[in-house]
Amino acid sequence: MSTIRLISGVLTVGVWTLLSRILGFVRDILIAAWLGTGPVAEAFLVAFALPNMFRRFFAEGAFNMAFVPMFSKKLESGDDPKGFAQNALAALTLILILFTVLATIFMPWLVLAMASGFRGDERFDIAVTLGRIVFVYILFISLAALFSGVLNASGRFMAAAAAPVLLNIILIGCLLLAEAGVGASLVGDLSGARHGTVLSIGVVLAGIAQLALVWWAAARAGYPLRLALPKPSPELKRLAIIAAPAALAGGVVQVNLLIGRQVASFFEGAVAWLAYADRLYQLPLGVVGIAIGIVLLPDLSRRLQADDIAGSRTALSRATEMSLALALPASVALAVIPVSLVSALFERGAFDASDTAATALACAVYGLGLPAFVMQKVLQPLFFAREDTKRPFHYAVIAMVLNAVIAVGLMNTLGYIAAAIGTTLAGWAMLALLWSGSRGMGEAATFEPGTGARVVRILIASVLMGAALWVLDQLILSSLIAAAPVLGIVLLCLAGFVSYGLLGLALGAFTIAELRRVVRR
C-alpha cells in the first residue's frame, strides 16, 4: 500500500502554516495600528470574511471533504485519478463563476446577512464596496483548494501549505503601500479608506498568486489539469451526492460564524475585537488541528481502501497525542495570560487599552474551546474517509442550535462576549457528538493502549505550565510587556515553551527519543 508519512506531513503543513499565521499577525498588527477598531477596519473584516466563509463552504469544506477521499482511493486503486480530478475541476469552476456573479450583484444583502448591525451607518456602504472587490477571491482560492487536495492526496504537502504565506506577504505589502500614500480611495475621504481599498485589491492579487503556485506544483506532480466543460459521469454524480451533506454541514458551520458576527455587529468595535481574538486561537488551531486534518484524511482513506486496520488505529492515536500535546498548553496559555498576549501583539496606535481588555476576554473564552476545535479535526476524517458526510451534518445542526441559543439568548445580558461563549460551548458539543458517533466504526476507530494515559499527563503538564506562566506574568512580564512589547512576548513564549517541555518530560507526556524522531523527520 502507498502510505503517507503522518508526522512528516503534519510537520510540513504545520511549519508553513505557522509561518503564514505569524505573517498574519504582522498583517493584523498593522491593521490594528493604522485602522484600530474603526468603521473601515470593521467593514474590511466583514468584506474579507465573505469569500472566506464561502470558500470553506464550497472548497475546503464540502468539496474537498468529498473529493479527497474519492481521489485518494482512485490513487490507491489506479482508477484514472487524473481524469476524475479534471472533471471535478471543470464542475467546480462552472459553479464558482455563476456564484461569484450572483454574489457581486446581491452584495448588500450578503453584508446584511453577515452584520445587520451595520444597517444605517457608514460601515454598511464601505463593506458593500469592499465586498464587491474582494469577493472574486473565492474563485481563485477555491480552485486552489482543489489543486491542494490533489497534492495532499498524493503526499505532497509543501506547495499547498506554503500558498497562504503568499496571501499575507501580499497584504502586508499592500498595507505598507497604502500607508505610504499609494492608491486612490474608492469609499470617500474617511480615515483609513485608502488602506481598506488597497487591502481589498491585494486580496484578489493574492488569490491569483496562490492558484498559480498550486497549479504549477500539481502539474509537476503529474496532474497538469486544464479548464474544460464538465462531463456527466457516475464519479461526478457520486461526488455531488457525498458533497451535498458536507456542503450543508459547512453551511451550518458558517451559520455559527454568522451568528457571532451578527451579535458582535450590535456592539461598536466588537467585530474587530472578536476578529483579533480569533487570530490568536486560530494560530495553534491552524498549526495543529488543520495540519492534522489535512494529512490524516487522505492517509485514513488509503488505509481503509487497503483494509489496514492496525495502521488506521496507529494513525488516529498518534494524531490525537500530537494534537493535544500542542493544543492543551496553547489553550491554557490563552486562558490564563490573554491580556499580556493581546497587549504585546496589538496595543499600539489606534488600538488602545480598552480594546486590549475586550479582545483579551474573547481570547480567553476561545482558548477554553481550543482543544475541542482541534480534536474535531482529528475525528472528522474518521467519517469523511468512509464517505460518511451525513452524520457530521446532523451533529453540526445540533451544535448550531446550541450556539444560537447561547449567543442570542445571552447578548442582552453579557454583550458581545456571548458570541464567543456560544462558539466555545458549541465546539465542545460537536466534539462529544463526533466521539459518540465514531464508536460504531470498529477497531480502526479506536485508540491504542496507553493513549489515554498519555493525554492525562499532557493535561497535567499544561495546567502546571499555566500556573507558572500566571505567576511569572504577575511578577514580571506584564510590566515588561508594557515597556518593551517585542521582548516581553519573546520571553513569554520562551517561558511557556521551556516550562512545558521540562514538565512534559518529567511526567512522561513525551520522551527525548520521541522528540528526536520528530526532528529527524
Protein backbone atom coordinates (compact mmCIF):
# COMPACT_ATOMS: atom_id res chain seq x y z
CA MET A 1 0.00 0.00 0.00
CA SER A 2 1.20 3.54 -0.81
CA THR A 3 1.13 5.37 2.53
CA ILE A 4 1.53 8.92 3.76
CA ARG A 5 4.07 9.69 6.48
CA LEU A 6 1.80 11.22 9.11
CA ILE A 7 4.29 13.03 11.33
CA SER A 8 6.40 14.26 8.41
CA GLY A 9 3.32 15.53 6.62
CA VAL A 10 1.95 17.25 9.73
CA LEU A 11 5.30 18.94 10.38
CA THR A 12 5.48 20.18 6.78
CA VAL A 13 1.96 21.61 6.89
CA GLY A 14 2.42 22.88 10.44
CA VAL A 15 5.66 24.76 9.78
CA TRP A 16 4.31 26.52 6.70
CA THR A 17 1.04 27.24 8.49
CA LEU A 18 2.98 28.66 11.44
CA LEU A 19 4.87 30.97 9.09
CA SER A 20 1.60 32.03 7.46
CA ARG A 21 -0.04 32.71 10.83
CA ILE A 22 2.98 34.72 12.04
CA LEU A 23 2.79 36.85 8.90
CA GLY A 24 -0.97 37.06 9.51
CA PHE A 25 -0.23 38.51 12.93
CA VAL A 26 2.07 41.08 11.33
CA ARG A 27 -0.75 41.95 8.93
CA ASP A 28 -3.29 42.28 11.75
CA ILE A 29 -0.87 44.26 13.91
CA LEU A 30 -0.56 46.79 11.07
CA ILE A 31 -4.35 46.86 10.57
CA ALA A 32 -4.87 47.36 14.31
CA ALA A 33 -2.26 50.12 14.47
CA TRP A 34 -3.47 52.05 11.40
CA LEU A 35 -7.20 51.29 11.42
CA GLY A 36 -7.84 50.24 15.03
CA THR A 37 -11.42 49.08 15.53
CA GLY A 38 -12.94 51.89 13.46
CA PRO A 39 -15.54 51.65 10.67
CA VAL A 40 -13.11 50.85 7.84
CA ALA A 41 -11.46 48.08 9.88
CA GLU A 42 -14.82 46.51 10.71
CA ALA A 43 -16.09 46.90 7.13
CA PHE A 44 -12.97 45.29 5.67
CA LEU A 45 -13.07 42.41 8.16
CA VAL A 46 -16.69 41.67 7.22
CA ALA A 47 -15.99 42.02 3.48
CA PHE A 48 -12.95 39.71 3.70
CA ALA A 49 -14.94 37.20 5.76
CA LEU A 50 -17.48 36.76 2.94
CA PRO A 51 -15.27 34.95 0.37
CA ASN A 52 -13.51 33.07 3.17
CA MET A 53 -16.83 31.86 4.51
CA PHE A 54 -18.00 30.56 1.15
CA ARG A 55 -14.53 29.18 0.38
CA ARG A 56 -14.83 26.89 3.38
CA PHE A 57 -18.35 26.05 2.29
CA PHE A 58 -17.55 25.23 -1.36
CA ALA A 59 -13.94 24.12 -1.48
CA GLU A 60 -12.03 23.42 1.73
CA GLY A 61 -15.21 22.20 3.37
CA ALA A 62 -17.83 20.39 1.33
CA PHE A 63 -15.95 19.81 -1.90
CA ASN A 64 -12.63 18.65 -0.51
CA MET A 65 -14.23 16.51 2.19
CA ALA A 66 -15.87 14.59 -0.64
CA PHE A 67 -13.13 14.94 -3.26
CA VAL A 68 -10.03 13.98 -1.25
CA PRO A 69 -11.26 10.54 -0.07
CA MET A 70 -12.52 9.64 -3.57
CA PHE A 71 -9.33 10.87 -5.24
CA SER A 72 -7.15 9.09 -2.64
CA LYS A 73 -8.93 5.79 -3.23
CA LYS A 74 -8.56 6.19 -7.00
CA LEU A 75 -4.86 6.79 -6.47
CA GLU A 76 -4.62 3.64 -4.37
CA SER A 77 -6.51 1.53 -6.95
CA GLY A 78 -5.10 3.25 -10.06
CA ASP A 79 -8.60 4.03 -11.39
CA ASP A 80 -7.87 7.13 -13.56
CA PRO A 81 -7.38 9.69 -10.75
CA LYS A 82 -6.27 12.37 -13.25
CA GLY A 83 -9.49 12.12 -15.29
CA PHE A 84 -11.57 12.33 -12.14
CA ALA A 85 -9.68 15.41 -10.93
CA GLN A 86 -10.01 17.08 -14.34
CA ASN A 87 -13.77 16.62 -14.41
CA ALA A 88 -14.12 17.79 -10.79
CA LEU A 89 -12.15 20.94 -11.63
CA ALA A 90 -14.45 21.69 -14.56
CA ALA A 91 -17.60 21.29 -12.47
CA LEU A 92 -16.27 23.40 -9.57
CA THR A 93 -15.16 26.19 -11.93
CA LEU A 94 -18.59 26.46 -13.55
CA ILE A 95 -20.33 26.61 -10.15
CA LEU A 96 -17.92 29.23 -8.82
CA ILE A 97 -18.24 31.57 -11.80
CA LEU A 98 -22.02 31.59 -11.54
CA PHE A 99 -21.93 32.06 -7.77
CA THR A 100 -19.39 34.91 -7.94
CA VAL A 101 -21.55 36.86 -10.40
CA LEU A 102 -24.66 36.41 -8.25
CA ALA A 103 -22.87 37.32 -5.03
CA THR A 104 -21.48 40.52 -6.54
CA ILE A 105 -25.00 41.57 -7.60
CA PHE A 106 -26.55 40.79 -4.23
CA MET A 107 -23.64 42.06 -2.09
CA PRO A 108 -25.79 44.45 0.02
CA TRP A 109 -27.92 41.54 1.20
CA LEU A 110 -24.84 39.41 1.92
CA VAL A 111 -23.38 42.20 4.06
CA LEU A 112 -26.64 42.46 5.99
CA ALA A 113 -26.62 38.69 6.46
CA MET A 114 -23.12 38.99 7.95
CA ALA A 115 -23.62 42.12 10.03
CA SER A 116 -27.12 43.54 10.17
CA GLY A 117 -25.93 45.89 12.89
CA PHE A 118 -24.19 47.85 10.10
CA ARG A 119 -27.57 48.91 8.68
CA GLY A 120 -27.97 52.66 8.55
CA ASP A 121 -24.37 53.67 9.29
CA GLU A 122 -21.21 54.28 7.26
CA ARG A 123 -19.87 50.75 7.78
CA PHE A 124 -22.56 49.29 5.53
CA ASP A 125 -21.68 51.22 2.36
CA ILE A 126 -17.95 50.65 2.90
CA ALA A 127 -18.46 46.91 3.43
CA VAL A 128 -20.56 46.62 0.24
CA THR A 129 -17.94 48.42 -1.85
CA LEU A 130 -15.02 46.44 -0.43
CA GLY A 131 -17.03 43.21 -0.60
CA ARG A 132 -17.55 43.61 -4.35
CA ILE A 133 -13.81 43.99 -4.82
CA VAL A 134 -12.84 41.13 -2.54
CA PHE A 135 -15.45 38.53 -3.47
CA VAL A 136 -13.79 37.41 -6.71
CA TYR A 137 -11.10 35.95 -4.41
CA ILE A 138 -13.40 32.99 -3.86
CA LEU A 139 -12.97 31.87 -7.47
CA PHE A 140 -9.19 31.70 -7.31
CA ILE A 141 -8.83 30.35 -3.78
CA SER A 142 -11.48 27.64 -4.23
CA LEU A 143 -9.79 26.35 -7.38
CA ALA A 144 -6.50 26.49 -5.46
CA ALA A 145 -8.13 24.33 -2.78
CA LEU A 146 -8.91 21.64 -5.35
CA PHE A 147 -5.31 21.60 -6.60
CA SER A 148 -4.20 21.48 -2.95
CA GLY A 149 -6.44 18.43 -2.44
CA VAL A 150 -4.75 16.70 -5.38
CA LEU A 151 -1.31 17.46 -3.93
CA ASN A 152 -2.22 16.43 -0.38
CA ALA A 153 -3.77 13.13 -1.51
CA SER A 154 -0.55 12.46 -3.43
CA GLY A 155 1.51 13.00 -0.27
CA ARG A 156 2.90 16.35 -1.48
CA PHE A 157 2.11 18.94 1.17
CA MET A 158 4.64 21.75 0.78
CA ALA A 159 3.19 23.88 -2.04
CA ALA A 160 -0.37 23.75 -0.73
CA ALA A 161 0.80 24.62 2.81
CA ALA A 162 3.03 27.44 1.53
CA ALA A 163 0.33 29.09 -0.60
CA PRO A 164 -1.31 31.03 2.29
CA VAL A 165 2.07 32.63 3.01
CA LEU A 166 1.69 34.48 -0.30
CA LEU A 167 -1.60 36.00 0.87
CA ASN A 168 -0.08 37.56 3.95
CA ILE A 169 3.08 38.74 2.19
CA ILE A 170 0.99 40.50 -0.46
CA LEU A 171 -1.40 42.04 2.10
CA ILE A 172 1.47 43.31 4.26
CA GLY A 173 2.97 44.87 1.13
CA CYS A 174 -0.38 46.48 0.30
CA LEU A 175 -0.68 47.96 3.78
CA LEU A 176 2.80 49.45 3.56
CA LEU A 177 2.00 50.92 0.14
CA ALA A 178 -1.27 52.38 1.43
CA GLU A 179 0.48 53.92 4.43
CA ALA A 180 2.98 55.46 2.01
CA GLY A 181 0.10 57.11 0.17
CA VAL A 182 -0.26 54.73 -2.79
CA GLY A 183 -3.78 54.04 -4.08
CA ALA A 184 -6.84 56.20 -4.51
CA SER A 185 -9.81 55.71 -2.19
CA LEU A 186 -12.97 54.18 -3.59
CA VAL A 187 -15.01 54.80 -0.43
CA GLY A 188 -14.69 58.50 0.21
CA ASP A 189 -12.42 60.57 2.43
CA LEU A 190 -12.99 58.59 5.59
CA SER A 191 -9.83 57.94 7.60
CA GLY A 192 -8.27 54.62 6.62
CA ALA A 193 -10.36 54.26 3.45
CA ARG A 194 -7.27 54.02 1.24
CA HIS A 195 -5.91 51.17 3.37
CA GLY A 196 -9.17 49.24 3.05
CA THR A 197 -9.31 49.70 -0.72
CA VAL A 198 -5.70 48.70 -1.34
CA LEU A 199 -6.08 45.74 1.01
CA SER A 200 -9.13 44.53 -0.92
CA ILE A 201 -7.30 44.71 -4.24
CA GLY A 202 -4.40 42.86 -2.62
CA VAL A 203 -6.68 40.01 -1.59
CA VAL A 204 -7.62 39.41 -5.23
CA LEU A 205 -3.98 39.51 -6.36
CA ALA A 206 -3.09 37.07 -3.59
CA GLY A 207 -5.77 34.63 -4.77
CA ILE A 208 -4.30 34.65 -8.27
CA ALA A 209 -0.80 34.05 -6.86
CA GLN A 210 -1.95 31.16 -4.66
CA LEU A 211 -3.75 29.47 -7.56
CA ALA A 212 -0.70 29.86 -9.80
CA LEU A 213 1.56 28.23 -7.19
CA VAL A 214 -0.54 25.10 -6.59
CA TRP A 215 -1.41 24.73 -10.29
CA TRP A 216 2.32 24.69 -11.08
CA ALA A 217 3.03 22.20 -8.27
CA ALA A 218 0.20 19.89 -9.39
CA ALA A 219 1.48 19.98 -12.98
CA ARG A 220 4.96 18.98 -11.77
CA ALA A 221 3.39 16.15 -9.76
CA GLY A 222 1.82 14.72 -12.93
CA TYR A 223 -1.56 16.45 -12.83
CA PRO A 224 -1.47 19.31 -15.38
CA LEU A 225 -5.21 19.95 -15.10
CA ARG A 226 -6.87 22.29 -17.61
CA LEU A 227 -10.15 24.19 -17.66
CA ALA A 228 -12.89 22.50 -19.69
CA LEU A 229 -16.62 21.87 -19.66
CA PRO A 230 -17.68 19.22 -17.11
CA LYS A 231 -18.69 15.82 -18.44
CA PRO A 232 -21.51 13.95 -16.66
CA SER A 233 -20.18 10.72 -15.16
CA PRO A 234 -21.01 8.28 -12.34
CA GLU A 235 -17.98 9.56 -10.39
CA LEU A 236 -19.10 13.17 -10.67
CA LYS A 237 -22.60 12.20 -9.59
CA ARG A 238 -21.16 10.28 -6.63
CA LEU A 239 -19.02 13.30 -5.74
CA ALA A 240 -22.12 15.53 -5.72
CA ILE A 241 -24.06 13.05 -3.58
CA ILE A 242 -21.27 12.88 -0.99
CA ALA A 243 -20.59 16.61 -1.12
CA ALA A 244 -24.20 17.66 -0.56
CA PRO A 245 -24.39 16.75 3.16
CA ALA A 246 -20.87 18.11 3.65
CA ALA A 247 -21.98 21.35 2.00
CA LEU A 248 -24.92 21.54 4.37
CA ALA A 249 -22.60 20.85 7.30
CA GLY A 250 -20.26 23.55 6.03
CA GLY A 251 -23.23 25.86 5.77
CA VAL A 252 -24.11 25.13 9.38
CA VAL A 253 -20.56 25.94 10.48
CA GLN A 254 -20.73 29.23 8.61
CA VAL A 255 -24.10 29.99 10.19
CA ASN A 256 -22.33 29.69 13.55
CA LEU A 257 -19.84 32.31 12.39
CA LEU A 258 -22.68 34.47 11.12
CA ILE A 259 -24.39 34.29 14.49
CA GLY A 260 -21.22 35.51 16.18
CA ARG A 261 -20.76 38.41 13.76
CA GLN A 262 -24.42 39.35 13.96
CA VAL A 263 -24.22 39.56 17.75
CA ALA A 264 -20.94 41.49 17.56
CA SER A 265 -22.24 43.95 14.95
CA PHE A 266 -24.64 45.43 17.51
CA PHE A 267 -21.74 46.47 19.76
CA GLU A 268 -19.34 49.10 18.46
CA GLY A 269 -15.85 47.67 17.98
CA ALA A 270 -16.89 44.09 18.78
CA VAL A 271 -16.50 42.77 15.23
CA ALA A 272 -12.84 43.76 15.37
CA TRP A 273 -12.35 42.51 18.96
CA LEU A 274 -13.62 39.06 18.04
CA ALA A 275 -11.61 39.05 14.81
CA TYR A 276 -8.34 39.83 16.59
CA ALA A 277 -9.09 37.23 19.29
CA ASP A 278 -9.90 34.77 16.54
CA ARG A 279 -6.42 35.32 15.08
CA LEU A 280 -4.84 34.30 18.37
CA TYR A 281 -6.64 31.00 18.83
CA GLN A 282 -6.50 30.26 15.11
CA LEU A 283 -2.70 30.14 15.33
CA PRO A 284 -2.49 26.85 17.28
CA LEU A 285 -5.66 25.58 15.58
CA GLY A 286 -4.14 26.10 12.15
CA VAL A 287 -0.70 24.79 13.02
CA VAL A 288 -2.01 21.70 14.81
CA GLY A 289 -5.64 20.89 14.09
CA ILE A 290 -5.89 21.86 10.46
CA ALA A 291 -2.49 20.33 9.68
CA ILE A 292 -3.58 17.06 11.29
CA GLY A 293 -6.86 17.02 9.37
CA ILE A 294 -5.19 17.75 6.03
CA VAL A 295 -2.76 14.85 6.39
CA LEU A 296 -4.98 12.38 8.25
CA LEU A 297 -7.89 12.37 5.76
CA PRO A 298 -6.01 11.01 2.72
CA ASP A 299 -3.98 8.68 4.95
CA LEU A 300 -7.07 7.09 6.52
CA SER A 301 -8.78 6.91 3.12
CA ARG A 302 -5.90 4.90 1.66
CA ARG A 303 -5.63 2.65 4.71
CA LEU A 304 -9.35 1.87 4.62
CA GLN A 305 -9.10 1.10 0.89
CA ALA A 306 -6.29 -1.36 1.72
CA ASP A 307 -8.12 -2.73 4.83
CA ASP A 308 -5.21 -1.70 7.08
CA ILE A 309 -6.98 -1.70 10.48
CA ALA A 310 -3.83 -1.58 12.61
CA GLY A 311 -2.40 1.27 10.57
CA SER A 312 -5.63 3.28 10.88
CA ARG A 313 -5.60 2.80 14.64
CA THR A 314 -1.98 3.90 14.92
CA ALA A 315 -2.57 6.96 12.75
CA LEU A 316 -5.56 8.02 14.86
CA SER A 317 -3.65 7.54 18.14
CA ARG A 318 -0.56 9.46 17.01
CA ALA A 319 -2.72 12.26 15.59
CA THR A 320 -4.59 12.59 18.89
CA GLU A 321 -1.44 12.62 21.01
CA MET A 322 0.31 15.12 18.73
CA SER A 323 -2.74 17.39 18.57
CA LEU A 324 -3.32 17.57 22.29
CA ALA A 325 0.39 17.84 23.13
CA LEU A 326 0.36 21.17 21.30
CA ALA A 327 -3.26 22.31 21.73
CA LEU A 328 -3.65 21.85 25.51
CA PRO A 329 -0.73 24.10 26.55
CA ALA A 330 -1.82 26.69 23.99
CA SER A 331 -5.34 26.58 25.39
CA VAL A 332 -4.12 27.08 28.94
CA ALA A 333 -1.87 29.99 27.93
CA LEU A 334 -4.70 31.76 26.08
CA ALA A 335 -6.94 31.34 29.11
CA VAL A 336 -4.53 32.50 31.85
CA ILE A 337 -2.49 35.34 30.26
CA PRO A 338 -4.68 36.78 27.46
CA VAL A 339 -4.18 40.43 28.42
CA SER A 340 -0.40 40.21 28.10
CA LEU A 341 -0.65 38.38 24.78
CA VAL A 342 -3.10 40.85 23.26
CA SER A 343 -1.30 43.88 24.66
CA ALA A 344 2.07 42.79 23.27
CA LEU A 345 0.68 41.97 19.83
CA PHE A 346 -1.89 44.68 19.16
CA GLU A 347 -1.86 47.58 21.65
CA ARG A 348 -0.34 50.44 19.70
CA GLY A 349 -1.54 53.29 17.52
CA ALA A 350 -5.34 53.24 17.15
CA PHE A 351 -5.68 50.09 19.28
CA ASP A 352 -5.91 51.21 22.92
CA ALA A 353 -6.10 49.60 26.37
CA SER A 354 -9.89 49.25 26.29
CA ASP A 355 -9.59 47.33 23.01
CA THR A 356 -6.97 45.10 24.65
CA ALA A 357 -9.26 44.27 27.58
CA ALA A 358 -12.22 43.43 25.33
CA THR A 359 -10.13 41.35 22.92
CA ALA A 360 -8.39 39.51 25.78
CA LEU A 361 -11.71 38.41 27.27
CA ALA A 362 -12.80 36.93 23.93
CA CYS A 363 -9.36 35.34 23.56
CA ALA A 364 -9.66 33.58 26.92
CA VAL A 365 -13.11 32.21 26.06
CA TYR A 366 -11.96 30.96 22.65
CA GLY A 367 -8.91 29.42 24.32
CA LEU A 368 -11.12 27.24 26.50
CA GLY A 369 -12.63 25.78 23.34
CA LEU A 370 -9.34 25.21 21.50
CA PRO A 371 -8.91 21.51 22.47
CA ALA A 372 -12.41 20.79 21.16
CA PHE A 373 -11.79 22.63 17.89
CA VAL A 374 -8.53 20.72 17.38
CA MET A 375 -9.97 17.30 18.21
CA GLN A 376 -12.81 17.86 15.76
CA LYS A 377 -10.14 17.93 13.04
CA VAL A 378 -8.89 14.54 14.28
CA LEU A 379 -12.29 12.83 14.48
CA GLN A 380 -13.94 14.23 11.34
CA PRO A 381 -11.64 12.29 8.97
CA LEU A 382 -12.98 9.06 10.52
CA PHE A 383 -16.33 9.92 8.92
CA PHE A 384 -15.13 11.58 5.72
CA ALA A 385 -12.67 8.76 4.91
CA ARG A 386 -15.69 6.42 4.91
CA GLU A 387 -17.56 8.86 2.64
CA ASP A 388 -19.98 9.48 5.52
CA THR A 389 -20.89 13.17 5.39
CA LYS A 390 -24.45 12.86 6.67
CA ARG A 391 -23.77 12.30 10.35
CA PRO A 392 -21.32 15.23 10.68
CA PHE A 393 -24.05 17.39 9.14
CA HIS A 394 -26.61 16.24 11.72
CA TYR A 395 -24.12 16.89 14.53
CA ALA A 396 -23.32 20.35 13.13
CA VAL A 397 -27.01 21.27 13.13
CA ILE A 398 -27.30 20.39 16.82
CA ALA A 399 -24.19 22.44 17.62
CA MET A 400 -25.54 25.35 15.57
CA VAL A 401 -28.81 25.42 17.51
CA LEU A 402 -26.90 25.38 20.80
CA ASN A 403 -24.65 28.21 19.61
CA ALA A 404 -27.61 30.34 18.51
CA VAL A 405 -29.50 29.82 21.77
CA ILE A 406 -26.48 30.80 23.86
CA ALA A 407 -25.17 33.69 21.74
CA VAL A 408 -28.52 35.35 21.02
CA GLY A 409 -30.05 34.48 24.36
CA LEU A 410 -27.20 35.98 26.38
CA MET A 411 -26.28 39.00 24.23
CA ASN A 412 -28.53 41.40 26.12
CA THR A 413 -27.04 40.24 29.43
CA LEU A 414 -23.39 39.58 28.56
CA GLY A 415 -22.93 41.71 25.44
CA TYR A 416 -20.55 40.76 22.63
CA ILE A 417 -18.82 38.03 24.68
CA ALA A 418 -21.96 35.88 24.36
CA ALA A 419 -20.84 35.17 20.78
CA ALA A 420 -17.51 33.72 21.95
CA ILE A 421 -19.19 31.68 24.71
CA GLY A 422 -21.65 30.22 22.20
CA THR A 423 -18.84 29.28 19.81
CA THR A 424 -16.83 27.55 22.54
CA LEU A 425 -19.71 25.57 24.04
CA ALA A 426 -20.93 24.55 20.59
CA GLY A 427 -17.40 23.34 19.80
CA TRP A 428 -17.40 21.01 22.80
CA ALA A 429 -20.89 19.75 21.93
CA MET A 430 -19.75 18.99 18.37
CA LEU A 431 -16.74 17.07 19.68
CA ALA A 432 -18.93 14.98 22.00
CA LEU A 433 -21.26 14.09 19.13
CA LEU A 434 -18.39 13.14 16.81
CA TRP A 435 -16.86 10.96 19.52
CA SER A 436 -20.15 9.24 20.23
CA GLY A 437 -20.82 8.66 16.52
CA SER A 438 -17.39 7.15 15.89
CA ARG A 439 -17.88 4.42 18.50
CA GLY A 440 -19.67 2.20 15.99
CA MET A 441 -16.86 2.21 13.42
CA GLY A 442 -14.99 -0.79 14.74
CA GLU A 443 -11.41 -1.29 15.85
CA ALA A 444 -9.99 1.06 13.19
CA ALA A 445 -11.57 4.00 15.04
CA THR A 446 -10.19 3.11 18.48
CA PHE A 447 -7.05 4.28 20.26
CA GLU A 448 -4.04 2.13 21.00
CA PRO A 449 -3.35 1.18 24.66
CA GLY A 450 -1.61 3.98 26.53
CA THR A 451 -3.03 6.89 24.52
CA GLY A 452 -5.49 7.90 27.27
CA ALA A 453 -2.81 7.86 29.98
CA ARG A 454 -0.52 9.98 27.84
CA VAL A 455 -3.25 12.56 27.27
CA VAL A 456 -3.76 12.84 31.05
CA ARG A 457 -0.05 13.50 31.53
CA ILE A 458 -0.14 16.15 28.80
CA LEU A 459 -3.07 17.83 30.56
CA ILE A 460 -1.29 17.88 33.94
CA ALA A 461 1.87 19.34 32.37
CA SER A 462 -0.21 22.02 30.62
CA VAL A 463 -2.03 23.06 33.81
CA LEU A 464 1.25 23.31 35.75
CA MET A 465 2.77 25.34 32.91
CA GLY A 466 -0.24 27.67 33.05
CA ALA A 467 0.24 28.22 36.78
CA ALA A 468 3.93 29.05 36.25
CA LEU A 469 3.10 31.48 33.43
CA TRP A 470 0.46 33.23 35.52
CA VAL A 471 2.87 33.77 38.42
CA LEU A 472 5.62 34.97 36.08
CA ASP A 473 3.18 37.29 34.31
CA GLN A 474 2.02 38.83 37.59
CA LEU A 475 5.56 39.33 38.88
CA ILE A 476 7.48 40.45 35.82
CA LEU A 477 6.10 40.00 32.32
CA SER A 478 3.06 42.27 32.36
CA SER A 479 5.26 45.25 33.31
CA LEU A 480 7.95 44.23 30.82
CA ILE A 481 5.41 43.94 28.00
CA ALA A 482 4.12 47.44 28.73
CA ALA A 483 7.67 48.79 28.38
CA ALA A 484 9.04 46.53 25.62
CA PRO A 485 6.29 44.51 23.88
CA VAL A 486 8.52 42.56 21.49
CA LEU A 487 10.95 41.47 24.20
CA GLY A 488 8.06 40.67 26.52
CA ILE A 489 6.26 38.41 24.05
CA VAL A 490 9.51 36.60 23.20
CA LEU A 491 10.25 35.92 26.87
CA LEU A 492 6.64 34.91 27.47
CA CYS A 493 6.75 32.32 24.68
CA LEU A 494 10.17 31.11 25.79
CA ALA A 495 9.00 30.69 29.39
CA GLY A 496 5.96 28.71 28.28
CA PHE A 497 7.96 26.51 25.93
CA VAL A 498 10.69 25.69 28.46
CA SER A 499 8.36 25.10 31.41
CA TYR A 500 6.01 22.88 29.41
CA GLY A 501 8.89 20.94 27.89
CA LEU A 502 10.52 20.22 31.23
CA LEU A 503 7.20 19.32 32.89
CA GLY A 504 6.19 17.10 29.97
CA LEU A 505 9.47 15.21 30.09
CA ALA A 506 9.29 14.84 33.89
CA LEU A 507 5.72 13.50 33.76
CA GLY A 508 6.32 11.22 30.77
CA ALA A 509 3.97 13.09 28.44
CA PHE A 510 6.68 12.67 25.80
CA THR A 511 10.28 11.47 25.73
CA ILE A 512 13.60 12.73 24.39
CA ALA A 513 13.68 9.83 21.91
CA GLU A 514 10.28 10.81 20.51
CA LEU A 515 11.34 14.43 20.12
CA ARG A 516 14.48 13.34 18.30
CA ARG A 517 12.43 11.20 15.90
CA VAL A 518 10.14 14.15 15.17
CA VAL A 519 13.11 16.44 14.47
CA ARG A 520 14.74 13.86 12.16
CA ARG A 521 11.53 13.58 10.14
